């Protein structure tokens, strides 16, 4: 089942795998917001699509 994350800045990502979702969100958080996020934080934000 795909999961989606909507960042408050307007960026959205979705993935069928947790690993890919975490990778995408961590990259976005670091590059755009200069923040580090843990796997647990990312998965806690994810919603089923």
Protein backbone atom coordinates (compact mmCIF):
# COMPACT_ATOMS: atom_id res chain seq x y z
CA UNK A 1 0.00 0.00 0.00
CA UNK A 2 1.37 3.39 -0.97
CA UNK A 3 2.01 6.05 1.66
CA UNK A 4 2.06 9.80 1.17
CA UNK A 5 3.63 12.70 3.04
CA UNK A 6 2.65 16.34 2.50
CA UNK A 7 5.22 18.83 3.75
CA UNK A 8 3.84 22.15 5.05
CA UNK A 9 5.99 23.89 2.38
CA UNK A 10 3.79 22.36 -0.33
CA UNK A 11 6.09 19.47 -1.34
CA UNK A 12 4.45 16.03 -1.57
CA UNK A 13 5.90 12.57 -1.98
CA UNK A 14 4.49 9.07 -2.15
CA UNK A 15 6.00 5.62 -2.28
CA UNK A 16 5.05 1.97 -2.12
CA UNK A 17 7.96 1.18 0.20
CA UNK A 18 8.89 2.63 3.58
CA UNK A 19 12.58 2.67 2.66
CA UNK A 20 12.03 4.82 -0.43
CA UNK A 21 9.62 7.15 1.40
CA UNK A 22 12.12 7.68 4.22
CA UNK A 23 14.93 8.34 1.74
CA UNK A 24 12.88 10.93 -0.17
CA UNK A 25 11.69 12.76 2.94
CA UNK A 26 15.11 12.80 4.60
CA UNK A 27 16.66 14.21 1.43
CA UNK A 28 13.97 16.89 1.14
CA UNK A 29 14.24 17.85 4.82
CA UNK A 30 18.01 18.22 4.61
CA UNK A 31 18.20 20.05 1.26
CA UNK A 32 15.22 22.37 1.63
CA UNK A 33 14.78 22.85 5.39
CA UNK A 34 18.30 22.06 6.69
CA UNK A 35 16.78 19.54 9.12
CA UNK A 36 17.59 15.96 10.02
CA UNK A 37 14.69 13.52 10.38
CA UNK A 38 14.68 10.00 11.75
CA UNK A 39 13.03 7.03 10.10
CA UNK A 40 10.52 6.93 12.95
CA UNK A 41 9.61 10.60 12.46
CA UNK A 42 9.10 10.09 8.74
CA UNK A 43 6.93 7.01 9.17
CA UNK A 44 4.93 8.79 11.88
CA UNK A 45 4.02 11.51 9.35
CA UNK A 46 3.07 9.07 6.58
CA UNK A 47 -0.55 8.50 5.67
CA UNK A 48 -1.98 5.65 3.61
CA UNK A 49 -2.90 6.67 0.10
